[in-house]
Amino acid sequence: MSQQSQPMSNAQTLVIEAKDFQFEAVAQQNGLATAVRFKVHNPDVRIGDVLLILSGSEVQFHGMIVQLEEGWAVASDPRDSQLPAAVH
């Protein structure tokens, strides 16, 4: 297993403003994205890091990165997502 595929012991948090976040909803519930796939531009991002999407000071999505492959990541927030699935 490659180092990039293994969780790190010291997770970091990626904070992105909702208006700047481009994603594909890979799972949704009641019109809200519960898992998102997005392009990763930072080579230091690892599985186990946290993705935090904000709209101003309001949390839209707070989930863990569960998959990382070929510059794309998947993060999951199955319970508290407020991120509309239709927004890309």
PDB file of N, CA and C in Angstrom:
ATOM      1  N   MET A   1       0.852  -1.176   0.000  1.00  0.00           N
ATOM      2  CA  MET A   1       0.000   0.000   0.000  1.00  0.00           C
ATOM      3  C   MET A   1       0.893   1.234   0.000  1.00  0.00           C
ATOM      4  N   SER A   2       0.602   2.189  -0.867  1.00  0.00           N
ATOM      5  CA  SER A   2       1.430   3.386  -0.951  1.00  0.00           C
ATOM      6  C   SER A   2       1.228   4.252   0.285  1.00  0.00           C
ATOM      7  N   GLN A   3       2.219   5.092   0.549  1.00  0.00           N
ATOM      8  CA  GLN A   3       2.143   5.973   1.707  1.00  0.00           C
ATOM      9  C   GLN A   3       0.946   6.905   1.604  1.00  0.00           C
ATOM     10  N   GLN A   4       0.613   7.351   0.388  1.00  0.00           N
ATOM     11  CA  GLN A   4      -0.494   8.261   0.206  1.00  0.00           C
ATOM     12  C   GLN A   4      -1.835   7.584   0.513  1.00  0.00           C
ATOM     13  N   SER A   5      -1.893   6.286   0.458  1.00  0.00           N
ATOM     14  CA  SER A   5      -3.131   5.569   0.718  1.00  0.00           C
ATOM     15  C   SER A   5      -3.336   5.267   2.197  1.00  0.00           C
ATOM     16  N   GLN A   6      -2.306   5.450   2.996  1.00  0.00           N
ATOM     17  CA  GLN A   6      -2.398   5.133   4.411  1.00  0.00           C
ATOM     18  C   GLN A   6      -2.765   6.374   5.213  1.00  0.00           C
ATOM     19  N   PRO A   7      -3.645   6.229   6.216  1.00  0.00           N
ATOM     20  CA  PRO A   7      -3.997   7.372   7.057  1.00  0.00           C
ATOM     21  C   PRO A   7      -2.777   7.864   7.835  1.00  0.00           C
ATOM     22  N   MET A   8      -2.713   9.165   8.043  1.00  0.00           N
ATOM     23  CA  MET A   8      -1.642   9.744   8.834  1.00  0.00           C
ATOM     24  C   MET A   8      -2.124   9.897  10.271  1.00  0.00           C
ATOM     25  N   SER A   9      -1.194   9.916  11.215  1.00  0.00           N
ATOM     26  CA  SER A   9      -1.577  10.063  12.606  1.00  0.00           C
ATOM     27  C   SER A   9      -1.908  11.519  12.944  1.00  0.00           C
ATOM     28  N   ASN A  10      -1.377  12.470  12.215  1.00  0.00           N
ATOM     29  CA  ASN A  10      -1.651  13.887  12.460  1.00  0.00           C
ATOM     30  C   ASN A  10      -2.470  14.445  11.308  1.00  0.00           C
ATOM     31  N   ALA A  11      -3.780  14.456  11.483  1.00  0.00           N
ATOM     32  CA  ALA A  11      -4.664  14.928  10.426  1.00  0.00           C
ATOM     33  C   ALA A  11      -4.627  16.446  10.343  1.00  0.00           C
ATOM     34  N   GLN A  12      -4.825  16.940   9.142  1.00  0.00           N
ATOM     35  CA  GLN A  12      -4.947  18.379   8.924  1.00  0.00           C
ATOM     36  C   GLN A  12      -6.371  18.670   8.470  1.00  0.00           C
ATOM     37  N   THR A  13      -6.751  19.937   8.506  1.00  0.00           N
ATOM     38  CA  THR A  13      -8.077  20.346   8.074  1.00  0.00           C
ATOM     39  C   THR A  13      -7.956  21.232   6.851  1.00  0.00           C
ATOM     40  N   LEU A  14      -8.662  20.881   5.795  1.00  0.00           N
ATOM     41  CA  LEU A  14      -8.743  21.703   4.584  1.00  0.00           C
ATOM     42  C   LEU A  14      -9.994  22.555   4.716  1.00  0.00           C
ATOM     43  N   VAL A  15      -9.835  23.861   4.710  1.00  0.00           N
ATOM     44  CA  VAL A  15     -10.964  24.770   4.834  1.00  0.00           C
ATOM     45  C   VAL A  15     -11.160  25.455   3.485  1.00  0.00           C
ATOM     46  N   ILE A  16     -12.375  25.318   2.931  1.00  0.00           N
ATOM     47  CA  ILE A  16     -12.684  25.887   1.620  1.00  0.00           C
ATOM     48  C   ILE A  16     -14.009  26.632   1.722  1.00  0.00           C
ATOM     49  N   GLU A  17     -14.056  27.812   1.132  1.00  0.00           N
ATOM     50  CA  GLU A  17     -15.291  28.587   1.074  1.00  0.00           C
ATOM     51  C   GLU A  17     -16.244  27.896   0.088  1.00  0.00           C
ATOM     52  N   ALA A  18     -17.510  27.751   0.460  1.00  0.00           N
ATOM     53  CA  ALA A  18     -18.494  27.027  -0.351  1.00  0.00           C
ATOM     54  C   ALA A  18     -18.568  27.558  -1.780  1.00  0.00           C
ATOM     55  N   LYS A  19     -18.483  28.863  -1.961  1.00  0.00           N
ATOM     56  CA  LYS A  19     -18.593  29.442  -3.308  1.00  0.00           C
ATOM     57  C   LYS A  19     -17.403  29.065  -4.190  1.00  0.00           C
ATOM     58  N   ASP A  20     -16.298  28.647  -3.592  1.00  0.00           N
ATOM     59  CA  ASP A  20     -15.099  28.271  -4.341  1.00  0.00           C
ATOM     60  C   ASP A  20     -14.925  26.752  -4.479  1.00  0.00           C
ATOM     61  N   PHE A  21     -15.812  25.982  -3.876  1.00  0.00           N
ATOM     62  CA  PHE A  21     -15.668  24.531  -3.827  1.00  0.00           C
ATOM     63  C   PHE A  21     -16.366  23.889  -5.022  1.00  0.00           C
ATOM     64  N   GLN A  22     -15.588  23.220  -5.857  1.00  0.00           N
ATOM     65  CA  GLN A  22     -16.138  22.491  -6.996  1.00  0.00           C
ATOM     66  C   GLN A  22     -16.090  21.005  -6.673  1.00  0.00           C
ATOM     67  N   PHE A  23     -17.212  20.331  -6.828  1.00  0.00           N
ATOM     68  CA  PHE A  23     -17.305  18.936  -6.412  1.00  0.00           C
ATOM     69  C   PHE A  23     -18.369  18.202  -7.210  1.00  0.00           C
ATOM     70  N   GLU A  24     -18.322  16.900  -7.065  1.00  0.00           N
ATOM     71  CA  GLU A  24     -19.357  16.016  -7.581  1.00  0.00           C
ATOM     72  C   GLU A  24     -19.935  15.293  -6.374  1.00  0.00           C
ATOM     73  N   ALA A  25     -21.243  15.333  -6.206  1.00  0.00           N
ATOM     74  CA  ALA A  25     -21.883  14.591  -5.111  1.00  0.00           C
ATOM     75  C   ALA A  25     -21.904  13.113  -5.497  1.00  0.00           C
ATOM     76  N   VAL A  26     -21.253  12.276  -4.726  1.00  0.00           N
ATOM     77  CA  VAL A  26     -21.252  10.839  -5.011  1.00  0.00           C
ATOM     78  C   VAL A  26     -22.279  10.108  -4.153  1.00  0.00           C
ATOM     79  N   ALA A  27     -22.792  10.796  -3.135  1.00  0.00           N
ATOM     80  CA  ALA A  27     -23.900  10.273  -2.328  1.00  0.00           C
ATOM     81  C   ALA A  27     -24.665  11.480  -1.807  1.00  0.00           C
ATOM     82  N   GLN A  28     -25.973  11.303  -1.690  1.00  0.00           N
ATOM     83  CA  GLN A  28     -26.795  12.397  -1.196  1.00  0.00           C
ATOM     84  C   GLN A  28     -27.986  11.846  -0.429  1.00  0.00           C
ATOM     85  N   GLN A  29     -28.527  12.718   0.409  1.00  0.00           N
ATOM     86  CA  GLN A  29     -29.721  12.363   1.166  1.00  0.00           C
ATOM     87  C   GLN A  29     -30.558  13.629   1.312  1.00  0.00           C
ATOM     88  N   ASN A  30     -31.797  13.559   0.918  1.00  0.00           N
ATOM     89  CA  ASN A  30     -32.711  14.703   0.995  1.00  0.00           C
ATOM     90  C   ASN A  30     -32.153  15.940   0.292  1.00  0.00           C
ATOM     91  N   GLY A  31     -31.452  15.743  -0.830  1.00  0.00           N
ATOM     92  CA  GLY A  31     -30.929  16.848  -1.606  1.00  0.00           C
ATOM     93  C   GLY A  31     -29.620  17.430  -1.095  1.00  0.00           C
ATOM     94  N   LEU A  32     -29.057  16.832  -0.052  1.00  0.00           N
ATOM     95  CA  LEU A  32     -27.795  17.301   0.512  1.00  0.00           C
ATOM     96  C   LEU A  32     -26.696  16.290   0.221  1.00  0.00           C
ATOM     97  N   ALA A  33     -25.527  16.790  -0.159  1.00  0.00           N
ATOM     98  CA  ALA A  33     -24.390  15.915  -0.479  1.00  0.00           C
ATOM     99  C   ALA A  33     -23.819  15.326   0.802  1.00  0.00           C
ATOM    100  N   THR A  34     -23.842  14.005   0.908  1.00  0.00           N
ATOM    101  CA  THR A  34     -23.273  13.335   2.078  1.00  0.00           C
ATOM    102  C   THR A  34     -21.892  12.765   1.798  1.00  0.00           C
ATOM    103  N   ALA A  35     -21.519  12.673   0.529  1.00  0.00           N
ATOM    104  CA  ALA A  35     -20.162  12.292   0.115  1.00  0.00           C
ATOM    105  C   ALA A  35     -19.859  13.072  -1.159  1.00  0.00           C
ATOM    106  N   VAL A  36     -18.672  13.651  -1.207  1.00  0.00           N
ATOM    107  CA  VAL A  36     -18.285  14.470  -2.355  1.00  0.00           C
ATOM    108  C   VAL A  36     -16.942  14.027  -2.905  1.00  0.00           C
ATOM    109  N   ARG A  37     -16.797  14.179  -4.201  1.00  0.00           N
ATOM    110  CA  ARG A  37     -15.532  13.907  -4.898  1.00  0.00           C
ATOM    111  C   ARG A  37     -15.028  15.243  -5.419  1.00  0.00           C
ATOM    112  N   PHE A  38     -13.756  15.534  -5.150  1.00  0.00           N
ATOM    113  CA  PHE A  38     -13.223  16.828  -5.534  1.00  0.00           C
ATOM    114  C   PHE A  38     -11.748  16.708  -5.887  1.00  0.00           C
ATOM    115  N   LYS A  39     -11.272  17.657  -6.686  1.00  0.00           N
ATOM    116  CA  LYS A  39      -9.879  17.697  -7.120  1.00  0.00           C
ATOM    117  C   LYS A  39      -9.015  18.210  -5.973  1.00  0.00           C
ATOM    118  N   VAL A  40      -7.899  17.542  -5.753  1.00  0.00           N
ATOM    119  CA  VAL A  40      -6.960  17.937  -4.704  1.00  0.00           C
ATOM    120  C   VAL A  40      -5.766  18.614  -5.356  1.00  0.00           C
ATOM    121  N   HIS A  41      -5.475  19.833  -4.927  1.00  0.00           N
ATOM    122  CA  HIS A  41      -4.361  20.589  -5.487  1.00  0.00           C
ATOM    123  C   HIS A  41      -3.149  20.596  -4.553  1.00  0.00           C
ATOM    124  N   ASN A  42      -3.314  20.153  -3.329  1.00  0.00           N
ATOM    125  CA  ASN A  42      -2.252  20.147  -2.331  1.00  0.00           C
ATOM    126  C   ASN A  42      -1.711  18.724  -2.176  1.00  0.00           C
ATOM    127  N   PRO A  43      -0.438  18.487  -2.509  1.00  0.00           N
ATOM    128  CA  PRO A  43       0.112  17.127  -2.424  1.00  0.00           C
ATOM    129  C   PRO A  43       0.254  16.603  -0.995  1.00  0.00           C
ATOM    130  N   ASP A  44       0.080  17.467   0.002  1.00  0.00           N
ATOM    131  CA  ASP A  44       0.189  17.047   1.398  1.00  0.00           C
ATOM    132  C   ASP A  44      -1.106  16.484   1.957  1.00  0.00           C
ATOM    133  N   VAL A  45      -2.198  16.554   1.198  1.00  0.00           N
ATOM    134  CA  VAL A  45      -3.488  16.026   1.646  1.00  0.00           C
ATOM    135  C   VAL A  45      -3.409  14.504   1.721  1.00  0.00           C
ATOM    136  N   ARG A  46      -3.943  13.929   2.791  1.00  0.00           N
ATOM    137  CA  ARG A  46      -3.909  12.490   3.035  1.00  0.00           C
ATOM    138  C   ARG A  46      -5.273  11.974   3.478  1.00  0.00           C
ATOM    139  N   ILE A  47      -5.478  10.683   3.339  1.00  0.00           N
ATOM    140  CA  ILE A  47      -6.664  10.032   3.896  1.00  0.00           C
ATOM    141  C   ILE A  47      -6.642  10.261   5.403  1.00  0.00           C
ATOM    142  N   GLY A  48      -7.786  10.608   5.946  1.00  0.00           N
ATOM    143  CA  GLY A  48      -7.897  10.905   7.367  1.00  0.00           C
ATOM    144  C   GLY A  48      -7.920  12.397   7.654  1.00  0.00           C
ATOM    145  N   ASP A  49      -7.518  13.212   6.676  1.00  0.00           N
ATOM    146  CA  ASP A  49      -7.629  14.662   6.826  1.00  0.00           C
ATOM    147  C   ASP A  49      -9.110  15.035   6.810  1.00  0.00           C
ATOM    148  N   VAL A  50      -9.402  16.230   7.292  1.00  0.00           N
ATOM    149  CA  VAL A  50     -10.780  16.695   7.387  1.00  0.00           C
ATOM    150  C   VAL A  50     -11.039  17.764   6.338  1.00  0.00           C
ATOM    151  N   LEU A  51     -12.196  17.674   5.680  1.00  0.00           N
ATOM    152  CA  LEU A  51     -12.640  18.677   4.723  1.00  0.00           C
ATOM    153  C   LEU A  51     -13.727  19.503   5.401  1.00  0.00           C
ATOM    154  N   LEU A  52     -13.513  20.812   5.473  1.00  0.00           N
ATOM    155  CA  LEU A  52     -14.462  21.730   6.084  1.00  0.00           C
ATOM    156  C   LEU A  52     -14.868  22.761   5.033  1.00  0.00           C
ATOM    157  N   ILE A  53     -16.155  22.759   4.685  1.00  0.00           N
ATOM    158  CA  ILE A  53     -16.682  23.702   3.713  1.00  0.00           C
ATOM    159  C   ILE A  53     -17.529  24.718   4.464  1.00  0.00           C
ATOM    160  N   LEU A  54     -17.161  26.004   4.308  1.00  0.00           N
ATOM    161  CA  LEU A  54     -17.847  27.069   5.015  1.00  0.00           C
ATOM    162  C   LEU A  54     -18.570  27.994   4.046  1.00  0.00           C
ATOM    163  N   SER A  55     -19.699  28.517   4.491  1.00  0.00           N
ATOM    164  CA  SER A  55     -20.394  29.599   3.809  1.00  0.00           C
ATOM    165  C   SER A  55     -20.403  30.742   4.819  1.00  0.00           C
ATOM    166  N   GLY A  56     -19.419  31.629   4.690  1.00  0.00           N
ATOM    167  CA  GLY A  56     -19.208  32.628   5.737  1.00  0.00           C
ATOM    168  C   GLY A  56     -18.722  31.904   6.977  1.00  0.00           C
ATOM    169  N   SER A  57     -19.448  32.028   8.078  1.00  0.00           N
ATOM    170  CA  SER A  57     -19.077  31.307   9.302  1.00  0.00           C
ATOM    171  C   SER A  57     -19.921  30.044   9.501  1.00  0.00           C
ATOM    172  N   GLU A  58     -20.829  29.766   8.562  1.00  0.00           N
ATOM    173  CA  GLU A  58     -21.707  28.596   8.667  1.00  0.00           C
ATOM    174  C   GLU A  58     -21.057  27.362   8.042  1.00  0.00           C
ATOM    175  N   VAL A  59     -21.027  26.269   8.789  1.00  0.00           N
ATOM    176  CA  VAL A  59     -20.461  25.014   8.306  1.00  0.00           C
ATOM    177  C   VAL A  59     -21.472  24.343   7.372  1.00  0.00           C
ATOM    178  N   GLN A  60     -21.043  24.089   6.123  1.00  0.00           N
ATOM    179  CA  GLN A  60     -21.882  23.411   5.144  1.00  0.00           C
ATOM    180  C   GLN A  60     -21.578  21.912   5.085  1.00  0.00           C
ATOM    181  N   PHE A  61     -20.317  21.571   5.303  1.00  0.00           N
ATOM    182  CA  PHE A  61     -19.868  20.175   5.180  1.00  0.00           C
ATOM    183  C   PHE A  61     -18.654  20.016   6.076  1.00  0.00           C
ATOM    184  N   HIS A  62     -18.639  18.960   6.866  1.00  0.00           N
ATOM    185  CA  HIS A  62     -17.515  18.671   7.755  1.00  0.00           C
ATOM    186  C   HIS A  62     -17.331  17.164   7.740  1.00  0.00           C
ATOM    187  N   GLY A  63     -16.374  16.711   6.941  1.00  0.00           N
ATOM    188  CA  GLY A  63     -16.223  15.270   6.805  1.00  0.00           C
ATOM    189  C   GLY A  63     -14.779  14.850   6.643  1.00  0.00           C
ATOM    190  N   MET A  64     -14.560  13.573   6.808  1.00  0.00           N
ATOM    191  CA  MET A  64     -13.223  13.004   6.694  1.00  0.00           C
ATOM    192  C   MET A  64     -12.953  12.551   5.261  1.00  0.00           C
ATOM    193  N   ILE A  65     -11.723  12.760   4.813  1.00  0.00           N
ATOM    194  CA  ILE A  65     -11.312  12.254   3.507  1.00  0.00           C
ATOM    195  C   ILE A  65     -11.101  10.750   3.652  1.00  0.00           C
ATOM    196  N   VAL A  66     -11.863   9.990   2.878  1.00  0.00           N
ATOM    197  CA  VAL A  66     -11.855   8.533   3.003  1.00  0.00           C
ATOM    198  C   VAL A  66     -11.217   7.839   1.808  1.00  0.00           C
ATOM    199  N   GLN A  67     -10.967   8.600   0.747  1.00  0.00           N
ATOM    200  CA  GLN A  67     -10.357   8.020  -0.460  1.00  0.00           C
ATOM    201  C   GLN A  67      -9.537   9.098  -1.149  1.00  0.00           C
ATOM    202  N   LEU A  68      -8.393   8.702  -1.684  1.00  0.00           N
ATOM    203  CA  LEU A  68      -7.519   9.620  -2.399  1.00  0.00           C
ATOM    204  C   LEU A  68      -6.865   8.842  -3.521  1.00  0.00           C
ATOM    205  N   GLU A  69      -7.115   9.286  -4.768  1.00  0.00           N
ATOM    206  CA  GLU A  69      -6.604   8.548  -5.917  1.00  0.00           C
ATOM    207  C   GLU A  69      -6.419   9.481  -7.107  1.00  0.00           C
ATOM    208  N   GLU A  70      -5.222   9.487  -7.666  1.00  0.00           N
ATOM    209  CA  GLU A  70      -4.902  10.228  -8.883  1.00  0.00           C
ATOM    210  C   GLU A  70      -5.345  11.687  -8.853  1.00  0.00           C
ATOM    211  N   GLY A  71      -5.082  12.358  -7.728  1.00  0.00           N
ATOM    212  CA  GLY A  71      -5.398  13.769  -7.619  1.00  0.00           C
ATOM    213  C   GLY A  71      -6.842  14.086  -7.263  1.00  0.00           C
ATOM    214  N   TRP A  72      -7.635  13.083  -6.974  1.00  0.00           N
ATOM    215  CA  TRP A  72      -9.031  13.256  -6.583  1.00  0.00           C
ATOM    216  C   TRP A  72      -9.241  12.661  -5.198  1.00  0.00           C
ATOM    217  N   ALA A  73     -10.102  13.289  -4.411  1.00  0.00           N
ATOM    218  CA  ALA A  73     -10.405  12.799  -3.073  1.00  0.00           C
ATOM    219  C   ALA A  73     -11.912  12.652  -2.912  1.00  0.00           C
ATOM    220  N   VAL A  74     -12.290  11.782  -1.992  1.00  0.00           N
ATOM    221  CA  VAL A  74     -13.687  11.626  -1.597  1.00  0.00           C
ATOM    222  C   VAL A  74     -13.751  11.869  -0.099  1.00  0.00           C
ATOM    223  N   ALA A  75     -14.681  12.729   0.306  1.00  0.00           N
ATOM    224  CA  ALA A  75     -14.906  13.004   1.722  1.00  0.00           C
ATOM    225  C   ALA A  75     -16.366  12.710   2.041  1.00  0.00           C
ATOM    226  N   SER A  76     -16.597  12.300   3.273  1.00  0.00           N
ATOM    227  CA  SER A  76     -17.935  11.879   3.673  1.00  0.00           C
ATOM    228  C   SER A  76     -18.397  12.627   4.927  1.00  0.00           C
ATOM    229  N   ASP A  77     -19.625  13.128   4.885  1.00  0.00           N
ATOM    230  CA  ASP A  77     -20.293  13.768   6.016  1.00  0.00           C
ATOM    231  C   ASP A  77     -21.725  13.238   6.032  1.00  0.00           C
ATOM    232  N   PRO A  78     -21.911  11.994   6.494  1.00  0.00           N
ATOM    233  CA  PRO A  78     -23.208  11.331   6.351  1.00  0.00           C
ATOM    234  C   PRO A  78     -24.326  11.861   7.253  1.00  0.00           C
ATOM    235  N   ARG A  79     -23.999  12.623   8.284  1.00  0.00           N
ATOM    236  CA  ARG A  79     -25.050  13.027   9.217  1.00  0.00           C
ATOM    237  C   ARG A  79     -25.376  14.510   9.217  1.00  0.00           C
ATOM    238  N   ASP A  80     -24.382  15.369   9.043  1.00  0.00           N
ATOM    239  CA  ASP A  80     -24.606  16.791   9.278  1.00  0.00           C
ATOM    240  C   ASP A  80     -24.444  17.692   8.064  1.00  0.00           C
ATOM    241  N   SER A  81     -24.303  17.130   6.880  1.00  0.00           N
ATOM    242  CA  SER A  81     -24.071  17.942   5.695  1.00  0.00           C
ATOM    243  C   SER A  81     -25.233  18.908   5.439  1.00  0.00           C
ATOM    244  N   GLN A  82     -24.871  20.134   5.092  1.00  0.00           N
ATOM    245  CA  GLN A  82     -25.820  21.137   4.660  1.00  0.00           C
ATOM    246  C   GLN A  82     -25.480  21.609   3.248  1.00  0.00           C
ATOM    247  N   LEU A  83     -24.605  20.854   2.577  1.00  0.00           N
ATOM    248  CA  LEU A  83     -24.104  21.197   1.249  1.00  0.00           C
ATOM    249  C   LEU A  83     -25.088  20.687   0.198  1.00  0.00           C
ATOM    250  N   PRO A  84     -25.725  21.579  -0.554  1.00  0.00           N
ATOM    251  CA  PRO A  84     -26.670  21.136  -1.583  1.00  0.00           C
ATOM    252  C   PRO A  84     -25.995  20.243  -2.615  1.00  0.00           C
ATOM    253  N   ALA A  85     -26.615  19.129  -2.917  1.00  0.00           N
ATOM    254  CA  ALA A  85     -26.035  18.158  -3.860  1.00  0.00           C
ATOM    255  C   ALA A  85     -26.006  18.697  -5.273  1.00  0.00           C
ATOM    256  N   ALA A  86     -26.848  19.653  -5.604  1.00  0.00           N
ATOM    257  CA  ALA A  86     -26.918  20.163  -6.969  1.00  0.00           C
ATOM    258  C   ALA A  86     -25.838  21.190  -7.274  1.00  0.00           C
ATOM    259  N   VAL A  87     -25.176  21.728  -6.256  1.00  0.00           N
ATOM    260  CA  VAL A  87     -24.127  22.734  -6.467  1.00  0.00           C
ATOM    261  C   VAL A  87     -22.838  22.040  -6.815  1.00  0.00           C
ATOM    262  N   HIS A  88     -22.144  22.554  -7.839  1.00  0.00           N
ATOM    263  CA  HIS A  88     -20.873  21.954  -8.243  1.00  0.00           C
ATOM    264  C   HIS A  88     -19.850  23.035  -8.229  1.00  0.00           C
TER     265      HIS A  88
END
